[in-house]
C-alpha atoms as a PDB file:
ATOM      1  CA  UNK A   1      18.737  51.949 -88.669  1.00  0.00           C
ATOM      2  CA  UNK A   2      18.054  48.521 -87.177  1.00  0.00           C
ATOM      3  CA  UNK A   3      18.574  45.461 -89.335  1.00  0.00           C
ATOM      4  CA  UNK A   4      15.250  43.934 -90.458  1.00  0.00           C
ATOM      5  CA  UNK A   5      14.114  40.422 -89.591  1.00  0.00           C
ATOM      6  CA  UNK A   6      10.966  38.378 -90.072  1.00  0.00           C
ATOM      7  CA  UNK A   7       9.419  36.685 -87.038  1.00  0.00           C
ATOM      8  CA  UNK A   8       6.673  34.079 -87.022  1.00  0.00           C
ATOM      9  CA  UNK A   9       4.257  35.074 -84.257  1.00  0.00           C
ATOM     10  CA  UNK A  10       1.400  32.688 -83.494  1.00  0.00           C
ATOM     11  CA  UNK A  11       0.158  34.321 -80.311  1.00  0.00           C
ATOM     12  CA  UNK A  12       1.610  31.547 -78.190  1.00  0.00           C
ATOM     13  CA  UNK A  13       4.114  31.694 -75.368  1.00  0.00           C
ATOM     14  CA  UNK A  14       7.102  30.466 -77.377  1.00  0.00           C
ATOM     15  CA  UNK A  15       6.692  32.736 -80.392  1.00  0.00           C
ATOM     16  CA  UNK A  16       6.078  35.764 -78.155  1.00  0.00           C
ATOM     17  CA  UNK A  17       9.341  35.027 -76.352  1.00  0.00           C
ATOM     18  CA  UNK A  18      11.262  34.539 -79.604  1.00  0.00           C
ATOM     19  CA  UNK A  19       9.851  37.873 -80.802  1.00  0.00           C
ATOM     20  CA  UNK A  20      11.052  39.564 -77.603  1.00  0.00           C
ATOM     21  CA  UNK A  21      14.535  38.108 -78.126  1.00  0.00           C
ATOM     22  CA  UNK A  22      14.662  39.437 -81.694  1.00  0.00           C
ATOM     23  CA  UNK A  23      13.698  42.903 -80.483  1.00  0.00           C
ATOM     24  CA  UNK A  24      16.201  42.729 -77.615  1.00  0.00           C
ATOM     25  CA  UNK A  25      18.905  41.872 -80.127  1.00  0.00           C
ATOM     26  CA  UNK A  26      18.168  45.056 -82.037  1.00  0.00           C
ATOM     27  CA  UNK A  27      16.229  43.811 -85.065  1.00  0.00           C
ATOM     28  CA  UNK A  28      13.461  45.785 -86.715  1.00  0.00           C
ATOM     29  CA  UNK A  29      10.962  42.947 -86.662  1.00  0.00           C
ATOM     30  CA  UNK A  30       8.356  42.347 -89.332  1.00  0.00           C
ATOM     31  CA  UNK A  31       5.941  39.923 -87.683  1.00  0.00           C
ATOM     32  CA  UNK A  32       3.977  37.322 -89.617  1.00  0.00           C
ATOM     33  CA  UNK A  33       0.902  35.480 -88.341  1.00  0.00           C
ATOM     34  CA  UNK A  34      -1.162  32.947 -90.266  1.00  0.00           C
ATOM     35  CA  UNK A  35      -4.928  32.544 -90.273  1.00  0.00           C
ATOM     36  CA  UNK A  36      -4.791  28.939 -91.403  1.00  0.00           C
ATOM     37  CA  UNK A  37      -8.228  27.750 -90.374  1.00  0.00           C
ATOM     38  CA  UNK A  38      -7.068  26.723 -86.910  1.00  0.00           C
ATOM     39  CA  UNK A  39      -9.775  25.881 -84.402  1.00  0.00           C
ATOM     40  CA  UNK A  40      -7.899  27.987 -81.828  1.00  0.00           C
ATOM     41  CA  UNK A  41      -8.212  31.145 -83.931  1.00  0.00           C
ATOM     42  CA  UNK A  42      -8.271  33.198 -80.733  1.00  0.00           C
ATOM     43  CA  UNK A  43      -4.483  33.067 -81.000  1.00  0.00           C
ATOM     44  CA  UNK A  44      -4.624  35.444 -83.986  1.00  0.00           C
ATOM     45  CA  UNK A  45      -6.096  38.210 -81.827  1.00  0.00           C
ATOM     46  CA  UNK A  46      -3.473  37.442 -79.184  1.00  0.00           C
ATOM     47  CA  UNK A  47      -0.740  37.788 -81.826  1.00  0.00           C
ATOM     48  CA  UNK A  48      -2.104  41.198 -82.783  1.00  0.00           C
ATOM     49  CA  UNK A  49      -2.063  42.257 -79.140  1.00  0.00           C
ATOM     50  CA  UNK A  50       1.468  40.981 -78.557  1.00  0.00           C
ATOM     51  CA  UNK A  51       2.854  42.622 -81.688  1.00  0.00           C
ATOM     52  CA  UNK A  52       1.156  45.945 -80.986  1.00  0.00           C
ATOM     53  CA  UNK A  53       2.548  46.026 -77.451  1.00  0.00           C
ATOM     54  CA  UNK A  54       6.022  45.018 -78.605  1.00  0.00           C
ATOM     55  CA  UNK A  55       6.274  47.793 -81.176  1.00  0.00           C
ATOM     56  CA  UNK A  56       7.167  45.729 -84.229  1.00  0.00           C
ATOM     57  CA  UNK A  57       8.040  47.401 -87.527  1.00  0.00           C
ATOM     58  CA  UNK A  58       5.034  45.730 -89.170  1.00  0.00           C
ATOM     59  CA  UNK A  59       2.604  42.901 -88.550  1.00  0.00           C
ATOM     60  CA  UNK A  60       0.936  40.928 -91.303  1.00  0.00           C
ATOM     61  CA  UNK A  61      -1.870  38.427 -90.722  1.00  0.00           C
ATOM     62  CA  UNK A  62      -1.763  36.232 -93.811  1.00  0.00           C
ATOM     63  CA  UNK A  63      -4.770  34.141 -94.911  1.00  0.00           C
ATOM     64  CA  UNK A  64      -3.522  30.637 -95.602  1.00  0.00           C
ATOM     65  CA  UNK A  65      -6.422  28.268 -95.016  1.00  0.00           C
ATOM     66  CA  UNK A  66      -5.206  24.695 -94.554  1.00  0.00           C
ATOM     67  CA  UNK A  67      -8.587  23.161 -93.775  1.00  0.00           C
ATOM     68  CA  UNK A  68      -8.842  21.751 -97.302  1.00  0.00           C
ATOM     69  CA  UNK A  69      -5.893  19.505 -96.473  1.00  0.00           C
ATOM     70  CA  UNK A  70      -7.404  17.962 -93.359  1.00  0.00           C
ATOM     71  CA  UNK A  71      -5.425  15.422 -91.392  1.00  0.00           C
ATOM     72  CA  UNK A  72      -5.167  17.399 -88.160  1.00  0.00           C
ATOM     73  CA  UNK A  73      -7.353  17.986 -85.134  1.00  0.00           C
ATOM     74  CA  UNK A  74      -6.455  21.677 -85.426  1.00  0.00           C
ATOM     75  CA  UNK A  75      -7.922  22.096 -88.909  1.00  0.00           C
ATOM     76  CA  UNK A  76     -10.454  19.277 -89.306  1.00  0.00           C
ATOM     77  CA  UNK A  77     -13.403  17.792 -87.429  1.00  0.00           C
ATOM     78  CA  UNK A  78     -11.245  15.515 -85.305  1.00  0.00           C
ATOM     79  CA  UNK A  79     -11.114  15.344 -81.533  1.00  0.00           C
ATOM     80  CA  UNK A  80      -8.248  17.074 -79.772  1.00  0.00           C
ATOM     81  CA  UNK A  81      -6.584  14.579 -77.376  1.00  0.00           C
ATOM     82  CA  UNK A  82      -7.167  15.393 -73.722  1.00  0.00           C
ATOM     83  CA  UNK A  83      -5.612  14.360 -70.419  1.00  0.00           C
ATOM     84  CA  UNK A  84      -2.692  12.511 -71.959  1.00  0.00           C
ATOM     85  CA  UNK A  85       0.177  11.616 -69.605  1.00  0.00           C
ATOM     86  CA  UNK A  86       3.375  13.535 -70.326  1.00  0.00           C
ATOM     87  CA  UNK A  87       5.112  10.257 -71.152  1.00  0.00           C
ATOM     88  CA  UNK A  88       2.547   9.561 -73.883  1.00  0.00           C
ATOM     89  CA  UNK A  89       3.225  12.952 -75.465  1.00  0.00           C
ATOM     90  CA  UNK A  90       6.829  11.901 -76.060  1.00  0.00           C
ATOM     91  CA  UNK A  91       5.758   8.902 -78.147  1.00  0.00           C
ATOM     92  CA  UNK A  92       4.765   9.220 -81.787  1.00  0.00           C
ATOM     93  CA  UNK A  93       3.277  12.199 -83.623  1.00  0.00           C
ATOM     94  CA  UNK A  94      -0.111  13.369 -82.301  1.00  0.00           C
ATOM     95  CA  UNK A  95      -3.244  14.159 -84.307  1.00  0.00           C
ATOM     96  CA  UNK A  96      -2.710  17.869 -83.545  1.00  0.00           C
ATOM     97  CA  UNK A  97       0.218  17.835 -85.983  1.00  0.00           C
ATOM     98  CA  UNK A  98      -0.745  19.874 -89.053  1.00  0.00           C
ATOM     99  CA  UNK A  99       0.825  18.283 -92.166  1.00  0.00           C
ATOM    100  CA  UNK A 100       3.864  20.288 -93.307  1.00  0.00           C
ATOM    101  CA  UNK A 101       2.723  23.376 -91.364  1.00  0.00           C
ATOM    102  CA  UNK A 102       6.126  24.767 -90.462  1.00  0.00           C
ATOM    103  CA  UNK A 103       7.427  24.049 -93.951  1.00  0.00           C
ATOM    104  CA  UNK A 104       4.538  26.018 -95.426  1.00  0.00           C
ATOM    105  CA  UNK A 105       4.853  28.857 -92.906  1.00  0.00           C
ATOM    106  CA  UNK A 106       8.595  29.140 -93.366  1.00  0.00           C
ATOM    107  CA  UNK A 107       8.248  29.156 -97.147  1.00  0.00           C
ATOM    108  CA  UNK A 108       5.955  32.171 -96.834  1.00  0.00           C
ATOM    109  CA  UNK A 109       8.292  33.811 -94.306  1.00  0.00           C
ATOM    110  CA  UNK A 110      11.177  33.201 -96.695  1.00  0.00           C
ATOM    111  CA  UNK A 111       9.324  35.012 -99.478  1.00  0.00           C
ATOM    112  CA  UNK A 112       8.651  37.962 -97.176  1.00  0.00           C
ATOM    113  CA  UNK A 113      12.269  38.007 -96.008  1.00  0.00           C
ATOM    114  CA  UNK A 114      13.522  38.102 -99.587  1.00  0.00           C
ATOM    115  CA  UNK A 115      11.132  40.945-100.397  1.00  0.00           C
ATOM    116  CA  UNK A 116      12.329  42.893 -97.354  1.00  0.00           C
ATOM    117  CA  UNK A 117      15.977  42.234 -98.131  1.00  0.00           C
ATOM    118  CA  UNK A 118      16.741  40.313 -94.951  1.00  0.00           C
ATOM    119  CA  UNK A 119      18.273  36.890 -94.359  1.00  0.00           C
ATOM    120  CA  UNK A 120      17.084  36.560 -90.755  1.00  0.00           C
ATOM    121  CA  UNK A 121      13.925  34.688 -89.714  1.00  0.00           C
ATOM    122  CA  UNK A 122      12.945  34.122 -86.075  1.00  0.00           C
ATOM    123  CA  UNK A 123      10.618  31.368 -84.853  1.00  0.00           C
ATOM    124  CA  UNK A 124       9.732  29.887 -81.484  1.00  0.00           C
ATOM    125  CA  UNK A 125      10.126  26.173 -82.171  1.00  0.00           C
ATOM    126  CA  UNK A 126      11.300  23.966 -79.329  1.00  0.00           C
ATOM    127  CA  UNK A 127      12.769  20.467 -79.425  1.00  0.00           C
ATOM    128  CA  UNK A 128      12.461  19.612 -75.721  1.00  0.00           C
ATOM    129  CA  UNK A 129       9.038  20.330 -74.190  1.00  0.00           C
ATOM    130  CA  UNK A 130       7.001  19.816 -77.355  1.00  0.00           C
ATOM    131  CA  UNK A 131       4.416  17.323 -78.599  1.00  0.00           C
ATOM    132  CA  UNK A 132       6.510  15.267 -81.005  1.00  0.00           C
ATOM    133  CA  UNK A 133       6.227  17.447 -84.117  1.00  0.00           C
ATOM    134  CA  UNK A 134       8.868  16.557 -86.727  1.00  0.00           C
ATOM    135  CA  UNK A 135       9.079  20.157 -87.968  1.00  0.00           C
ATOM    136  CA  UNK A 136      10.341  21.394 -84.592  1.00  0.00           C
ATOM    137  CA  UNK A 137      13.635  19.510 -84.776  1.00  0.00           C
ATOM    138  CA  UNK A 138      17.063  21.066 -85.391  1.00  0.00           C
ATOM    139  CA  UNK A 139      17.557  18.781 -88.408  1.00  0.00           C
ATOM    140  CA  UNK A 140      14.510  20.336 -90.046  1.00  0.00           C
ATOM    141  CA  UNK A 141      15.749  23.877 -89.444  1.00  0.00           C
ATOM    142  CA  UNK A 142      19.191  23.076 -90.823  1.00  0.00           C
ATOM    143  CA  UNK A 143      17.672  21.488 -93.934  1.00  0.00           C
ATOM    144  CA  UNK A 144      15.387  24.473 -94.492  1.00  0.00           C
ATOM    145  CA  UNK A 145      18.306  26.889 -94.312  1.00  0.00           C
ATOM    146  CA  UNK A 146      20.022  24.927 -97.073  1.00  0.00           C
ATOM    147  CA  UNK A 147      16.808  24.920 -99.097  1.00  0.00           C
ATOM    148  CA  UNK A 148      16.396  28.692 -98.643  1.00  0.00           C
ATOM    149  CA  UNK A 149      19.849  29.358-100.050  1.00  0.00           C
ATOM    150  CA  UNK A 150      19.096  27.171-103.090  1.00  0.00           C
ATOM    151  CA  UNK A 151      15.529  28.297-103.751  1.00  0.00           C
ATOM    152  CA  UNK A 152      15.796  32.084-103.751  1.00  0.00           C
ATOM    153  CA  UNK A 153      17.366  34.730-105.959  1.00  0.00           C
ATOM    154  CA  UNK A 154      19.006  36.277-102.915  1.00  0.00           C
ATOM    155  CA  UNK A 155      20.470  32.924-101.889  1.00  0.00           C
ATOM    156  CA  UNK A 156      21.778  32.109-105.364  1.00  0.00           C
ATOM    157  CA  UNK A 157      23.419  35.537-105.493  1.00  0.00           C
ATOM    158  CA  UNK A 158      25.404  34.796-102.355  1.00  0.00           C
ATOM    159  CA  UNK A 159      23.161  35.524 -99.381  1.00  0.00           C
ATOM    160  CA  UNK A 160      22.884  33.038 -96.543  1.00  0.00           C
ATOM    161  CA  UNK A 161      19.603  32.654 -94.718  1.00  0.00           C
ATOM    162  CA  UNK A 162      19.521  31.998 -91.005  1.00  0.00           C
ATOM    163  CA  UNK A 163      16.646  30.587 -89.002  1.00  0.00           C
ATOM    164  CA  UNK A 164      16.940  31.924 -85.480  1.00  0.00           C
ATOM    165  CA  UNK A 165      15.377  29.440 -83.057  1.00  0.00           C
ATOM    166  CA  UNK A 166      16.576  30.771 -79.690  1.00  0.00           C
ATOM    167  CA  UNK A 167      14.262  28.486 -77.688  1.00  0.00           C
ATOM    168  CA  UNK A 168      15.152  25.292 -79.508  1.00  0.00           C
ATOM    169  CA  UNK A 169      16.970  23.567 -76.653  1.00  0.00           C
ATOM    170  CA  UNK A 170      15.244  25.195 -73.662  1.00  0.00           C
ATOM    171  CA  UNK A 171      12.715  23.574 -71.380  1.00  0.00           C
ATOM    172  CA  UNK A 172       9.313  25.218 -71.076  1.00  0.00           C
ATOM    173  CA  UNK A 173      10.287  26.430 -67.597  1.00  0.00           C
ATOM    174  CA  UNK A 174      13.432  28.060 -69.007  1.00  0.00           C
ATOM    175  CA  UNK A 175      11.390  29.704 -71.756  1.00  0.00           C
ATOM    176  CA  UNK A 176       8.962  31.108 -69.193  1.00  0.00           C
ATOM    177  CA  UNK A 177      11.823  32.439 -67.084  1.00  0.00           C
ATOM    178  CA  UNK A 178      13.294  34.164 -70.123  1.00  0.00           C
ATOM    179  CA  UNK A 179       9.899  35.587 -71.068  1.00  0.00           C
ATOM    180  CA  UNK A 180       9.571  37.090 -67.588  1.00  0.00           C
ATOM    181  CA  UNK A 181      13.075  38.565 -67.830  1.00  0.00           C
ATOM    182  CA  UNK A 182      12.219  40.136 -71.197  1.00  0.00           C
ATOM    183  CA  UNK A 183       8.912  41.540 -69.993  1.00  0.00           C
ATOM    184  CA  UNK A 184       6.679  39.432 -72.233  1.00  0.00           C
ATOM    185  CA  UNK A 185       2.991  39.866 -71.413  1.00  0.00           C
ATOM    186  CA  UNK A 186       2.366  36.230 -70.530  1.00  0.00           C
ATOM    187  CA  UNK A 187      -1.297  36.931 -69.836  1.00  0.00           C
ATOM    188  CA  UNK A 188      -1.727  37.840 -73.513  1.00  0.00           C
ATOM    189  CA  UNK A 189      -0.302  34.556 -74.796  1.00  0.00           C
ATOM    190  CA  UNK A 190      -2.507  31.630 -75.772  1.00  0.00           C
ATOM    191  CA  UNK A 191      -1.466  27.984 -75.897  1.00  0.00           C
ATOM    192  CA  UNK A 192      -4.676  25.931 -75.872  1.00  0.00           C
ATOM    193  CA  UNK A 193      -5.595  23.786 -78.894  1.00  0.00           C
ATOM    194  CA  UNK A 194      -9.274  23.547 -77.988  1.00  0.00           C
ATOM    195  CA  UNK A 195     -10.385  26.726 -76.204  1.00  0.00           C
ATOM    196  CA  UNK A 196     -13.888  27.396 -74.944  1.00  0.00           C
ATOM    197  CA  UNK A 197     -16.178  29.610 -77.055  1.00  0.00           C
ATOM    198  CA  UNK A 198     -15.082  32.631 -75.009  1.00  0.00           C
ATOM    199  CA  UNK A 199     -11.410  31.836 -75.623  1.00  0.00           C
ATOM    200  CA  UNK A 200     -10.465  30.341 -72.271  1.00  0.00           C
ATOM    201  CA  UNK A 201      -7.997  27.417 -72.245  1.00  0.00           C
ATOM    202  CA  UNK A 202      -9.399  23.926 -71.806  1.00  0.00           C
ATOM    203  CA  UNK A 203      -6.607  22.975 -69.394  1.00  0.00           C
ATOM    204  CA  UNK A 204      -6.564  19.389 -70.695  1.00  0.00           C
ATOM    205  CA  UNK A 205      -5.008  19.317 -74.186  1.00  0.00           C
ATOM    206  CA  UNK A 206      -1.302  18.547 -74.678  1.00  0.00           C
ATOM    207  CA  UNK A 207      -0.414  22.198 -75.094  1.00  0.00           C
ATOM    208  CA  UNK A 208      -2.239  23.249 -71.932  1.00  0.00           C
ATOM    209  CA  UNK A 209      -0.606  20.461 -69.944  1.00  0.00           C
ATOM    210  CA  UNK A 210       2.882  21.288 -71.200  1.00  0.00           C
ATOM    211  CA  UNK A 211       2.297  24.954 -70.403  1.00  0.00           C
ATOM    212  CA  UNK A 212       1.100  24.084 -66.886  1.00  0.00           C
ATOM    213  CA  UNK A 213       4.155  21.862 -66.366  1.00  0.00           C
ATOM    214  CA  UNK A 214       6.421  24.713 -67.436  1.00  0.00           C
ATOM    215  CA  UNK A 215       4.865  27.257 -65.099  1.00  0.00           C
ATOM    216  CA  UNK A 216       4.943  24.759 -62.214  1.00  0.00           C
ATOM    217  CA  UNK A 217       8.629  24.028 -62.782  1.00  0.00           C
ATOM    218  CA  UNK A 218       9.390  27.745 -63.114  1.00  0.00           C
ATOM    219  CA  UNK A 219       7.501  28.308 -59.845  1.00  0.00           C
ATOM    220  CA  UNK A 220       5.485  31.086 -61.443  1.00  0.00           C
ATOM    221  CA  UNK A 221       1.686  31.420 -61.543  1.00  0.00           C
ATOM    222  CA  UNK A 222       0.302  31.485 -65.080  1.00  0.00           C
ATOM    223  CA  UNK A 223      -1.223  34.960 -65.446  1.00  0.00           C
ATOM    224  CA  UNK A 224      -3.409  33.791 -68.316  1.00  0.00           C
ATOM    225  CA  UNK A 225      -5.408  31.683 -65.852  1.00  0.00           C
ATOM    226  CA  UNK A 226      -6.112  34.655 -63.604  1.00  0.00           C
ATOM    227  CA  UNK A 227      -8.191  36.418 -66.263  1.00  0.00           C
END
């Protein structure tokens, strides 16, 4: 019987690739997606599609509405930045940062992992081609692992939690190449922060621009744009 693991699956390119890596490595993956009031809620349907095609052990879509908190263009009535130069994305923390989002998501994933009896959690965070989010850094992941061991019954009793972030130090082009190698349905993935009403990417937000840069550097056409 395969060892269980929890994987955070947003419906985006990175999380879909991290999920594929977990499955390749022989884990029975219990996928977790959050409906957190995000303006790009189309990604939830994409996560369902990705998980169904991948054959995960289970897939939960957890309601966790963060709109009450505000403070982010993804959850509040704030404009999503468009057409920013790549150099500008590397400076400061953008308004698309959702306060404490990965901390909140990982806390929920930790609870699920403890319930399932596993110490392994996969996520698709990346510290290279990303938009300056503090909760995508290796220091954050290391600190959360320490917290997990202190904050749970399983950790206190001797278990050691591990956050698997296999894409952490890869460029977007390298992630795309790995996704192709693993057979990820790239056309099913969604990256845009501000999609059109019919779910098509805007092509101008930071996430769209970073995705386009990655596909260009990988010398691969983005199949999501051919739909």
